[in-house]
C-alpha atoms as a PDB file:
ATOM      1  CA  MET A   1     114.493 103.812  83.313  1.00  0.00           C
ATOM      2  CA  LYS A   2     116.669 100.873  82.709  1.00  0.00           C
ATOM      3  CA  ILE A   3     114.312  97.755  81.344  1.00  0.00           C
ATOM      4  CA  ALA A   4     115.348  94.389  80.812  1.00  0.00           C
ATOM      5  CA  PHE A   5     114.033  91.649  78.751  1.00  0.00           C
ATOM      6  CA  VAL A   6     114.302  88.161  79.865  1.00  0.00           C
ATOM      7  CA  GLY A   7     112.582  84.745  79.096  1.00  0.00           C
ATOM      8  CA  LYS A   8     113.059  81.066  78.012  1.00  0.00           C
ATOM      9  CA  GLY A   9     115.123  80.723  74.685  1.00  0.00           C
ATOM     10  CA  GLY A  10     112.948  80.784  71.748  1.00  0.00           C
ATOM     11  CA  SER A  11     109.687  82.490  73.594  1.00  0.00           C
ATOM     12  CA  GLY A  12     109.978  85.794  71.475  1.00  0.00           C
ATOM     13  CA  LYS A  13     112.249  87.996  74.023  1.00  0.00           C
ATOM     14  CA  THR A  14     114.248  89.216  71.152  1.00  0.00           C
ATOM     15  CA  THR A  15     111.007  90.227  69.328  1.00  0.00           C
ATOM     16  CA  LEU A  16     109.810  91.848  71.997  1.00  0.00           C
ATOM     17  CA  THR A  17     112.729  93.662  73.185  1.00  0.00           C
ATOM     18  CA  SER A  18     112.865  95.376  69.731  1.00  0.00           C
ATOM     19  CA  LEU A  19     108.939  96.060  69.459  1.00  0.00           C
ATOM     20  CA  PHE A  20     109.022  97.654  72.618  1.00  0.00           C
ATOM     21  CA  THR A  21     112.270  99.713  71.860  1.00  0.00           C
ATOM     22  CA  ALA A  22     110.249 100.325  68.863  1.00  0.00           C
ATOM     23  CA  TYR A  23     107.438 101.973  70.209  1.00  0.00           C
ATOM     24  CA  VAL A  24     109.305 103.350  72.913  1.00  0.00           C
ATOM     25  CA  ALA A  25     111.522 105.294  69.792  1.00  0.00           C
ATOM     26  CA  GLY A  26     108.208 105.548  67.888  1.00  0.00           C
ATOM     27  CA  SER A  27     106.820 107.832  70.766  1.00  0.00           C
ATOM     28  CA  GLY A  28     108.740 110.344  70.046  1.00  0.00           C
ATOM     29  CA  HIS A  29     111.101 109.060  73.469  1.00  0.00           C
ATOM     30  CA  PRO A  30     114.996 108.375  72.824  1.00  0.00           C
ATOM     31  CA  VAL A  31     116.144 104.920  73.758  1.00  0.00           C
ATOM     32  CA  LEU A  32     119.516 103.351  74.241  1.00  0.00           C
ATOM     33  CA  ALA A  33     119.318  99.532  73.374  1.00  0.00           C
ATOM     34  CA  VAL A  34     121.827  96.750  74.190  1.00  0.00           C
ATOM     35  CA  ASP A  35     122.232  93.465  73.202  1.00  0.00           C
ATOM     36  CA  ALA A  36     123.350  91.257  75.821  1.00  0.00           C
ATOM     37  CA  ASP A  37     122.155  87.984  74.518  1.00  0.00           C
ATOM     38  CA  ILE A  38     124.369  85.133  73.547  1.00  0.00           C
ATOM     39  CA  ASN A  39     122.642  84.816  70.148  1.00  0.00           C
ATOM     40  CA  GLN A  40     123.264  88.791  68.987  1.00  0.00           C
ATOM     41  CA  HIS A  41     119.608  89.269  66.790  1.00  0.00           C
ATOM     42  CA  LEU A  42     118.576  92.342  68.117  1.00  0.00           C
ATOM     43  CA  ALA A  43     120.032  94.783  65.160  1.00  0.00           C
ATOM     44  CA  VAL A  44     118.645  92.264  62.855  1.00  0.00           C
ATOM     45  CA  ALA A  45     115.130  92.959  64.441  1.00  0.00           C
ATOM     46  CA  LEU A  46     114.926  96.273  65.012  1.00  0.00           C
ATOM     47  CA  GLY A  47     115.442  96.374  60.726  1.00  0.00           C
ATOM     48  CA  ALA A  48     119.427  96.256  60.265  1.00  0.00           C
ATOM     49  CA  THR A  49     120.455  94.146  57.342  1.00  0.00           C
ATOM     50  CA  GLU A  50     122.471  90.614  58.346  1.00  0.00           C
ATOM     51  CA  GLU A  51     125.306  92.433  57.014  1.00  0.00           C
ATOM     52  CA  GLU A  52     125.123  95.907  58.792  1.00  0.00           C
ATOM     53  CA  ALA A  53     124.689  93.791  62.176  1.00  0.00           C
ATOM     54  CA  ALA A  54     127.960  91.536  61.738  1.00  0.00           C
ATOM     55  CA  ALA A  55     129.758  94.664  60.937  1.00  0.00           C
ATOM     56  CA  LEU A  56     128.564  96.368  64.205  1.00  0.00           C
ATOM     57  CA  PRO A  57     131.326  97.563  66.992  1.00  0.00           C
ATOM     58  CA  THR A  58     130.993  95.590  70.053  1.00  0.00           C
ATOM     59  CA  LEU A  59     131.301  96.272  73.548  1.00  0.00           C
ATOM     60  CA  GLY A  60     133.386  93.243  74.575  1.00  0.00           C
ATOM     61  CA  GLU A  61     136.428  94.169  71.932  1.00  0.00           C
ATOM     62  CA  HIS A  62     136.548  97.553  73.427  1.00  0.00           C
ATOM     63  CA  LEU A  63     136.427  96.808  77.165  1.00  0.00           C
ATOM     64  CA  PRO A  64     139.929  98.280  78.039  1.00  0.00           C
ATOM     65  CA  ALA A  65     138.890 101.542  76.507  1.00  0.00           C
ATOM     66  CA  ILE A  66     135.757 101.286  78.267  1.00  0.00           C
ATOM     67  CA  LYS A  67     137.370 100.714  81.826  1.00  0.00           C
ATOM     68  CA  ASP A  68     140.000 103.519  81.177  1.00  0.00           C
ATOM     69  CA  TYR A  69     137.019 106.073  80.475  1.00  0.00           C
ATOM     70  CA  LEU A  70     134.831 104.901  83.480  1.00  0.00           C
ATOM     71  CA  ARG A  71     137.809 104.979  85.773  1.00  0.00           C
ATOM     72  CA  GLY A  72     138.182 108.254  85.121  1.00  0.00           C
ATOM     73  CA  ASP A  73     140.908 109.653  87.834  1.00  0.00           C
ATOM     74  CA  ASN A  74     139.092 107.822  90.875  1.00  0.00           C
ATOM     75  CA  PRO A  75     141.548 107.694  93.365  1.00  0.00           C
ATOM     76  CA  LEU A  76     140.358 104.142  94.482  1.00  0.00           C
ATOM     77  CA  ILE A  77     141.109 102.695  91.108  1.00  0.00           C
ATOM     78  CA  ALA A  78     144.761 101.861  90.802  1.00  0.00           C
ATOM     79  CA  GLY A  79     144.163 101.584  86.973  1.00  0.00           C
ATOM     80  CA  ALA A  80     141.693 100.248  84.380  1.00  0.00           C
ATOM     81  CA  ASP A  81     143.229  96.749  84.577  1.00  0.00           C
ATOM     82  CA  ALA A  82     142.033  96.607  88.608  1.00  0.00           C
ATOM     83  CA  MET A  83     138.515  97.312  86.733  1.00  0.00           C
ATOM     84  CA  ILE A  84     136.502  93.952  86.905  1.00  0.00           C
ATOM     85  CA  LYS A  85     132.589  94.120  85.540  1.00  0.00           C
ATOM     86  CA  THR A  86     131.132  94.708  88.917  1.00  0.00           C
ATOM     87  CA  THR A  87     133.685  97.974  89.998  1.00  0.00           C
ATOM     88  CA  PRO A  88     131.076 100.605  91.005  1.00  0.00           C
ATOM     89  CA  PRO A  89     131.914 104.327  90.248  1.00  0.00           C
ATOM     90  CA  GLY A  90     132.934 106.424  92.891  1.00  0.00           C
ATOM     91  CA  ARG A  91     134.024 110.235  93.474  1.00  0.00           C
ATOM     92  CA  GLY A  92     136.356 110.936  90.509  1.00  0.00           C
ATOM     93  CA  SER A  93     134.517 108.253  88.328  1.00  0.00           C
ATOM     94  CA  ARG A  94     132.859 108.989  84.779  1.00  0.00           C
ATOM     95  CA  LEU A  95     129.616 109.068  84.734  1.00  0.00           C
ATOM     96  CA  VAL A  96     127.657 108.856  81.587  1.00  0.00           C
ATOM     97  CA  ARG A  97     124.431 110.271  80.296  1.00  0.00           C
ATOM     98  CA  PRO A  98     122.795 107.677  77.805  1.00  0.00           C
ATOM     99  CA  PHE A  99     122.383 110.151  75.358  1.00  0.00           C
ATOM    100  CA  GLU A 100     125.558 112.207  75.431  1.00  0.00           C
ATOM    101  CA  ASP A 101     128.761 112.154  72.903  1.00  0.00           C
ATOM    102  CA  ASN A 102     131.395 110.490  74.437  1.00  0.00           C
ATOM    103  CA  PRO A 103     134.041 107.893  73.524  1.00  0.00           C
ATOM    104  CA  ILE A 104     132.004 104.878  74.675  1.00  0.00           C
ATOM    105  CA  PHE A 105     129.280 105.688  72.599  1.00  0.00           C
ATOM    106  CA  ALA A 106     131.267 107.263  69.285  1.00  0.00           C
ATOM    107  CA  GLU A 107     133.384 103.604  69.213  1.00  0.00           C
ATOM    108  CA  CYS A 108     130.669 100.748  69.975  1.00  0.00           C
ATOM    109  CA  PHE A 109     127.505 102.061  69.388  1.00  0.00           C
ATOM    110  CA  ARG A 110     125.328 102.926  65.970  1.00  0.00           C
ATOM    111  CA  GLU A 111     121.893 104.257  65.680  1.00  0.00           C
ATOM    112  CA  ILE A 112     119.704 101.570  64.342  1.00  0.00           C
ATOM    113  CA  GLY A 113     115.969 102.314  63.526  1.00  0.00           C
ATOM    114  CA  GLY A 114     116.570 105.397  65.411  1.00  0.00           C
ATOM    115  CA  VAL A 115     117.562 103.333  68.256  1.00  0.00           C
ATOM    116  CA  ARG A 116     121.030 103.695  69.669  1.00  0.00           C
ATOM    117  CA  LEU A 117     122.392 100.524  69.793  1.00  0.00           C
ATOM    118  CA  GLY A 118     125.085  98.718  71.432  1.00  0.00           C
ATOM    119  CA  VAL A 119     126.183  94.847  70.832  1.00  0.00           C
ATOM    120  CA  THR A 120     128.404  92.840  73.298  1.00  0.00           C
ATOM    121  CA  GLY A 121     129.517  90.557  70.797  1.00  0.00           C
ATOM    122  CA  ARG A 122     129.478  86.772  69.664  1.00  0.00           C
ATOM    123  CA  PHE A 123     131.835  84.044  70.435  1.00  0.00           C
ATOM    124  CA  THR A 124     134.805  83.959  68.427  1.00  0.00           C
ATOM    125  CA  GLU A 125     136.724  80.860  67.657  1.00  0.00           C
ATOM    126  CA  ASP A 126     139.388  82.171  69.784  1.00  0.00           C
ATOM    127  CA  ASP A 127     136.599  81.798  72.771  1.00  0.00           C
ATOM    128  CA  LEU A 128     135.406  78.511  71.636  1.00  0.00           C
ATOM    129  CA  GLY A 129     135.815  75.959  75.076  1.00  0.00           C
ATOM    130  CA  VAL A 130     137.710  78.458  76.979  1.00  0.00           C
ATOM    131  CA  ALA A 131     135.348  81.515  77.874  1.00  0.00           C
ATOM    132  CA  CYS A 132     132.035  82.086  79.343  1.00  0.00           C
ATOM    133  CA  TYR A 133     129.492  84.393  77.827  1.00  0.00           C
ATOM    134  CA  HIS A 134     130.246  86.807  80.690  1.00  0.00           C
ATOM    135  CA  SER A 135     133.025  87.895  79.324  1.00  0.00           C
ATOM    136  CA  LYS A 136     131.265  89.657  76.592  1.00  0.00           C
ATOM    137  CA  VAL A 137     128.604  90.950  79.126  1.00  0.00           C
ATOM    138  CA  GLY A 138     130.534  92.126  81.589  1.00  0.00           C
ATOM    139  CA  ALA A 139     131.116  95.068  79.574  1.00  0.00           C
ATOM    140  CA  ALA A 140     127.391  96.216  79.550  1.00  0.00           C
ATOM    141  CA  GLU A 141     127.460  95.708  83.269  1.00  0.00           C
ATOM    142  CA  LEU A 142     130.388  98.045  83.890  1.00  0.00           C
ATOM    143  CA  LEU A 143     128.610 100.393  81.663  1.00  0.00           C
ATOM    144  CA  LEU A 144     124.909 100.437  83.537  1.00  0.00           C
ATOM    145  CA  ASN A 145     126.969 100.625  86.991  1.00  0.00           C
ATOM    146  CA  HIS A 146     127.949 104.175  85.771  1.00  0.00           C
ATOM    147  CA  LEU A 147     125.355 105.141  83.282  1.00  0.00           C
ATOM    148  CA  ILE A 148     122.862 107.896  84.892  1.00  0.00           C
ATOM    149  CA  ASP A 149     119.926 107.851  82.659  1.00  0.00           C
ATOM    150  CA  ASP A 150     116.519 110.509  84.046  1.00  0.00           C
ATOM    151  CA  ALA A 151     112.766 110.697  83.389  1.00  0.00           C
ATOM    152  CA  GLY A 152     111.990 110.132  79.946  1.00  0.00           C
ATOM    153  CA  GLU A 153     115.007 108.215  78.931  1.00  0.00           C
ATOM    154  CA  TYR A 154     114.845 104.296  78.460  1.00  0.00           C
ATOM    155  CA  VAL A 155     117.603 102.002  78.158  1.00  0.00           C
ATOM    156  CA  VAL A 156     116.705  99.006  77.093  1.00  0.00           C
ATOM    157  CA  LEU A 157     118.698  95.325  77.361  1.00  0.00           C
ATOM    158  CA  ASP A 158     117.992  91.656  75.577  1.00  0.00           C
ATOM    159  CA  MET A 159     119.438  89.769  78.141  1.00  0.00           C
ATOM    160  CA  THR A 160     120.239  86.046  77.702  1.00  0.00           C
ATOM    161  CA  ALA A 161     117.779  83.288  77.249  1.00  0.00           C
ATOM    162  CA  GLY A 162     116.296  81.621  80.687  1.00  0.00           C
ATOM    163  CA  ALA A 163     117.947  82.498  84.402  1.00  0.00           C
ATOM    164  CA  ASP A 164     121.815  82.672  83.341  1.00  0.00           C
ATOM    165  CA  ALA A 165     121.552  86.497  83.896  1.00  0.00           C
ATOM    166  CA  PHE A 166     121.601  85.651  87.287  1.00  0.00           C
ATOM    167  CA  ALA A 167     125.591  84.263  86.883  1.00  0.00           C
ATOM    168  CA  SER A 168     126.532  88.172  87.558  1.00  0.00           C
ATOM    169  CA  GLY A 169     125.065  91.432  89.536  1.00  0.00           C
ATOM    170  CA  LEU A 170     123.790  92.192  86.184  1.00  0.00           C
ATOM    171  CA  PHE A 171     120.049  91.222  86.989  1.00  0.00           C
ATOM    172  CA  THR A 172     119.926  94.013  89.555  1.00  0.00           C
ATOM    173  CA  ARG A 173     120.949  96.849  87.662  1.00  0.00           C
ATOM    174  CA  PHE A 174     116.721  97.747  86.002  1.00  0.00           C
ATOM    175  CA  ASP A 175     114.156  99.224  87.275  1.00  0.00           C
ATOM    176  CA  VAL A 176     111.530  96.909  85.533  1.00  0.00           C
ATOM    177  CA  THR A 177     112.331  93.389  84.252  1.00  0.00           C
ATOM    178  CA  PHE A 178     109.741  91.911  81.549  1.00  0.00           C
ATOM    179  CA  LEU A 179     109.916  88.277  81.675  1.00  0.00           C
ATOM    180  CA  VAL A 180     108.170  86.768  78.344  1.00  0.00           C
ATOM    181  CA  CYS A 181     106.110  84.118  78.641  1.00  0.00           C
ATOM    182  CA  GLU A 182     104.461  81.757  76.132  1.00  0.00           C
ATOM    183  CA  PRO A 183     101.760  79.489  77.075  1.00  0.00           C
ATOM    184  CA  THR A 184     103.533  76.514  78.053  1.00  0.00           C
ATOM    185  CA  ARG A 185     104.605  74.255  80.925  1.00  0.00           C
ATOM    186  CA  ARG A 186     108.314  75.079  80.304  1.00  0.00           C
ATOM    187  CA  SER A 187     108.087  78.564  80.233  1.00  0.00           C
ATOM    188  CA  VAL A 188     106.155  79.197  83.121  1.00  0.00           C
ATOM    189  CA  GLY A 189     109.244  77.284  84.858  1.00  0.00           C
ATOM    190  CA  VAL A 190     111.474  79.447  83.791  1.00  0.00           C
ATOM    191  CA  TYR A 191     109.015  82.379  85.303  1.00  0.00           C
ATOM    192  CA  ARG A 192     109.421  80.579  88.738  1.00  0.00           C
ATOM    193  CA  GLN A 193     112.722  79.769  88.595  1.00  0.00           C
ATOM    194  CA  TYR A 194     113.565  83.794  87.980  1.00  0.00           C
ATOM    195  CA  ALA A 195     111.089  85.076  90.490  1.00  0.00           C
ATOM    196  CA  ASP A 196     112.503  82.397  92.707  1.00  0.00           C
ATOM    197  CA  TYR A 197     116.171  84.096  92.683  1.00  0.00           C
ATOM    198  CA  ALA A 198     114.927  87.596  91.861  1.00  0.00           C
ATOM    199  CA  ARG A 199     112.568  87.815  95.233  1.00  0.00           C
ATOM    200  CA  ASP A 200     115.107  88.223  97.760  1.00  0.00           C
ATOM    201  CA  PHE A 201     116.891  91.464  95.812  1.00  0.00           C
ATOM    202  CA  GLY A 202     113.584  93.470  94.793  1.00  0.00           C
ATOM    203  CA  VAL A 203     113.693  92.859  91.354  1.00  0.00           C
ATOM    204  CA  ARG A 204     110.505  94.274  89.450  1.00  0.00           C
ATOM    205  CA  LEU A 205     109.776  91.739  87.541  1.00  0.00           C
ATOM    206  CA  ALA A 206     106.383  91.787  84.744  1.00  0.00           C
ATOM    207  CA  VAL A 207     105.207  88.730  82.935  1.00  0.00           C
ATOM    208  CA  VAL A 208     104.302  89.672  79.438  1.00  0.00           C
ATOM    209  CA  GLY A 209     102.293  87.031  77.989  1.00  0.00           C
ATOM    210  CA  ASN A 210     103.443  86.145  73.830  1.00  0.00           C
ATOM    211  CA  LYS A 211     102.370  83.681  71.045  1.00  0.00           C
ATOM    212  CA  VAL A 212      99.103  83.618  72.662  1.00  0.00           C
ATOM    213  CA  THR A 213      96.193  82.410  69.833  1.00  0.00           C
ATOM    214  CA  ASP A 214      93.207  81.566  71.765  1.00  0.00           C
ATOM    215  CA  ASP A 215      91.010  82.377  75.363  1.00  0.00           C
ATOM    216  CA  GLU A 216      92.123  79.012  76.196  1.00  0.00           C
ATOM    217  CA  ASP A 217      96.069  80.625  76.095  1.00  0.00           C
ATOM    218  CA  VAL A 218      95.089  83.582  77.829  1.00  0.00           C
ATOM    219  CA  GLU A 219      93.180  81.720  80.687  1.00  0.00           C
ATOM    220  CA  PHE A 220      96.079  79.243  81.309  1.00  0.00           C
ATOM    221  CA  LEU A 221      98.616  82.442  82.005  1.00  0.00           C
ATOM    222  CA  ARG A 222      96.541  83.618  84.198  1.00  0.00           C
ATOM    223  CA  GLU A 223      96.345  80.569  85.957  1.00  0.00           C
ATOM    224  CA  GLN A 224      99.979  79.908  86.319  1.00  0.00           C
ATOM    225  CA  LEU A 225     101.032  83.361  86.612  1.00  0.00           C
ATOM    226  CA  GLY A 226      98.266  85.220  88.753  1.00  0.00           C
ATOM    227  CA  GLU A 227      98.176  88.984  89.306  1.00  0.00           C
ATOM    228  CA  ASN A 228     102.013  88.787  87.440  1.00  0.00           C
ATOM    229  CA  LEU A 229     100.484  88.781  83.933  1.00  0.00           C
ATOM    230  CA  LEU A 230     100.799  92.049  83.155  1.00  0.00           C
ATOM    231  CA  CYS A 231      99.521  92.018  79.452  1.00  0.00           C
ATOM    232  CA  TRP A 232     100.114  89.595  76.567  1.00  0.00           C
ATOM    233  CA  LEU A 233     100.384  89.563  72.822  1.00  0.00           C
ATOM    234  CA  THR A 234      98.878  87.893  69.963  1.00  0.00           C
ATOM    235  CA  GLY A 235     100.113  86.120  66.928  1.00  0.00           C
ATOM    236  CA  SER A 236     101.568  88.878  64.676  1.00  0.00           C
ATOM    237  CA  GLY A 237     101.479  89.364  60.905  1.00  0.00           C
ATOM    238  CA  HIS A 238     103.195  92.411  61.881  1.00  0.00           C
ATOM    239  CA  VAL A 239     106.041  90.401  63.009  1.00  0.00           C
ATOM    240  CA  ARG A 240     106.013  87.759  60.555  1.00  0.00           C
ATOM    241  CA  ALA A 241     106.488  90.430  58.001  1.00  0.00           C
ATOM    242  CA  ALA A 242     109.618  91.814  59.430  1.00  0.00           C
ATOM    243  CA  GLU A 243     111.158  87.926  60.096  1.00  0.00           C
ATOM    244  CA  ARG A 244     110.927  87.606  56.191  1.00  0.00           C
ATOM    245  CA  GLY A 245     112.477  91.290  56.044  1.00  0.00           C
ATOM    246  CA  ARG A 246     109.661  93.124  54.996  1.00  0.00           C
ATOM    247  CA  ALA A 247     109.821  95.294  57.998  1.00  0.00           C
ATOM    248  CA  ARG A 248     106.442  97.657  58.721  1.00  0.00           C
ATOM    249  CA  PRO A 249     106.139 101.343  60.600  1.00  0.00           C
ATOM    250  CA  ILE A 250     105.517 100.171  64.564  1.00  0.00           C
ATOM    251  CA  ALA A 251     102.330 101.782  64.075  1.00  0.00           C
ATOM    252  CA  ALA A 252     101.061  99.137  61.781  1.00  0.00           C
ATOM    253  CA  LEU A 253     101.004  96.526  64.705  1.00  0.00           C
ATOM    254  CA  GLU A 254      98.107  94.905  65.703  1.00  0.00           C
ATOM    255  CA  PRO A 255      95.691  97.338  67.923  1.00  0.00           C
ATOM    256  CA  HIS A 256      96.131  94.498  70.817  1.00  0.00           C
ATOM    257  CA  ASN A 257      99.458  94.194  70.404  1.00  0.00           C
ATOM    258  CA  LEU A 258      99.961  97.955  70.692  1.00  0.00           C
ATOM    259  CA  ASP A 259      97.713  98.420  73.443  1.00  0.00           C
ATOM    260  CA  ALA A 260      99.952  95.422  75.656  1.00  0.00           C
ATOM    261  CA  LEU A 261     102.940  98.002  74.531  1.00  0.00           C
ATOM    262  CA  ALA A 262     101.632 100.673  75.884  1.00  0.00           C
ATOM    263  CA  THR A 263     100.725  99.099  78.882  1.00  0.00           C
ATOM    264  CA  MET A 264     104.485  98.082  79.281  1.00  0.00           C
ATOM    265  CA  LEU A 265     105.696 101.728  78.871  1.00  0.00           C
ATOM    266  CA  SER A 266     103.066 103.136  81.189  1.00  0.00           C
ATOM    267  CA  THR A 267     104.512 100.136  83.758  1.00  0.00           C
ATOM    268  CA  VAL A 268     107.995 101.332  83.112  1.00  0.00           C
ATOM    269  CA  ASP A 269     106.934 105.426  83.543  1.00  0.00           C
ATOM    270  CA  SER A 270     104.866 104.224  86.970  1.00  0.00           C
ATOM    271  CA  THR A 271     108.122 102.627  88.600  1.00  0.00           C
ATOM    272  CA  PRO A 272     110.265 104.852  91.062  1.00  0.00           C
ATOM    273  CA  ARG A 273     114.081 104.455  91.264  1.00  0.00           C
ATOM    274  CA  ASP A 274     115.695 104.594  93.939  1.00  0.00           C
ATOM    275  CA  TRP A 275     119.843 104.996  93.587  1.00  0.00           C
ATOM    276  CA  ASP A 276     120.471 104.429  97.064  1.00  0.00           C
ATOM    277  CA  ARG A 277     119.250 100.705  96.473  1.00  0.00           C
ATOM    278  CA  PHE A 278     120.448 100.619  93.129  1.00  0.00           C
ATOM    279  CA  HIS A 279     124.162 101.418  94.321  1.00  0.00           C
ATOM    280  CA  ARG A 280     124.075  99.245  97.304  1.00  0.00           C
ATOM    281  CA  GLN A 281     123.452  96.154  95.268  1.00  0.00           C
ATOM    282  CA  ALA A 282     125.820  97.139  92.806  1.00  0.00           C
ATOM    283  CA  VAL A 283     128.819  97.430  95.738  1.00  0.00           C
ATOM    284  CA  GLU A 284     127.075  94.013  97.368  1.00  0.00           C
ATOM    285  CA  PHE A 285     127.624  92.329  93.883  1.00  0.00           C
ATOM    286  CA  HIS A 286     131.063  93.339  93.632  1.00  0.00           C
ATOM    287  CA  LEU A 287     132.372  92.678  97.493  1.00  0.00           C
ATOM    288  CA  ARG A 288     131.024  89.031  96.499  1.00  0.00           C
ATOM    289  CA  ASN A 289     133.134  88.933  93.214  1.00  0.00           C
ATOM    290  CA  ALA A 290     136.119  90.332  95.623  1.00  0.00           C
ATOM    291  CA  ARG A 291     135.659  87.673  98.068  1.00  0.00           C
ATOM    292  CA  SER A 292     134.976  84.960  95.763  1.00  0.00           C
ATOM    293  CA  TRP A 293     137.519  84.992  92.307  1.00  0.00           C
ATOM    294  CA  ALA A 294     138.694  88.443  91.653  1.00  0.00           C
ATOM    295  CA  GLY A 295     140.535  89.193  95.411  1.00  0.00           C
ATOM    296  CA  GLU A 296     139.738  90.777  98.987  1.00  0.00           C
ATOM    297  CA  ASP A 297     142.282  94.128  97.270  1.00  0.00           C
ATOM    298  CA  LEU A 298     139.534  95.021  95.640  1.00  0.00           C
ATOM    299  CA  ALA A 299     137.079  95.780  97.995  1.00  0.00           C
ATOM    300  CA  ALA A 300     138.863  99.072  98.311  1.00  0.00           C
ATOM    301  CA  GLN A 301     137.140 100.020  95.166  1.00  0.00           C
ATOM    302  CA  VAL A 302     134.265 100.902  97.070  1.00  0.00           C
ATOM    303  CA  ASP A 303     133.575 104.563  97.996  1.00  0.00           C
ATOM    304  CA  PRO A 304     131.795 104.154 101.268  1.00  0.00           C
ATOM    305  CA  GLU A 305     130.783 107.932 100.670  1.00  0.00           C
ATOM    306  CA  TYR A 306     129.054 107.758  97.574  1.00  0.00           C
ATOM    307  CA  VAL A 307     125.465 107.292  95.870  1.00  0.00           C
ATOM    308  CA  PRO A 308     125.379 108.085  91.524  1.00  0.00           C
ATOM    309  CA  GLY A 309     122.406 109.713  90.370  1.00  0.00           C
ATOM    310  CA  PRO A 310     121.640 112.933  88.900  1.00  0.00           C
ATOM    311  CA  PRO A 311     122.904 114.899  92.336  1.00  0.00           C
ATOM    312  CA  ALA A 312     126.380 112.952  91.804  1.00  0.00           C
ATOM    313  CA  LEU A 313     126.539 113.746  87.904  1.00  0.00           C
ATOM    314  CA  ALA A 314     125.824 117.908  88.661  1.00  0.00           C
ATOM    315  CA  GLY A 315     128.764 117.519  90.409  1.00  0.00           C
ATOM    316  CA  ARG A 316     131.289 115.836  87.861  1.00  0.00           C
END
């Protein structure tokens, strides 16, 4: 299952991503995580030191090699240089499993806290003033288009803050999107913006309250979010200790907060995967990019008879 975490900047999105990821891994499930947030704090939240996090390889810097590997021998793609972030897989493309051994994972991912983690990369001095962050996130989008996860496998992304994810088709790549919402009007406003954008694309959006301190906070979230409020987490000494460099096992998290994580995992597990829709939306955004900036000729990369998924993977 593919899961995204979004929300207003400062809402605790990365913290929730790390807690959920640690909870799933601690429950004995394999987890592949990607930090696709411009601030790149997920590695530290999962237990890495600042020095270890700074030394991680990035998906952005390996993008040419990622393209070359995923292209495989797809006859509709002239070469890796012809691939863009939305290029969908077709017959001959390499599909990847999230926990297999392949050159992408060997070069770009490292194990942190029992989780296979990749990072999109920070802005460099050469990027400032001349590049947008989607040049980094594009590698994650391309990888997700070719990633075949199955039942009991979890792929978790910490996304950019606010509604910036809608600047690409990345927001359609997930089975469940958790929006982290503080009990404030500004945070609720980001939820409403996200919900409005996502509605026409069938995005499964669930809201998780965060930084809840009392019944008044809960009542505010219920009034504003209604049935879309899935659960909420309260202030956490466990989280504060981790932020001070004193990480504790996920089982030491407060009981109410553990219950919230269990509810989130149950929501993910009960969501069906629709490979047809997943691929159809990938094709739709690829064609949008071809028309708007990449060139109409890239529309020819679409294989009309192809749908990814475990059956396609079995025949690779």
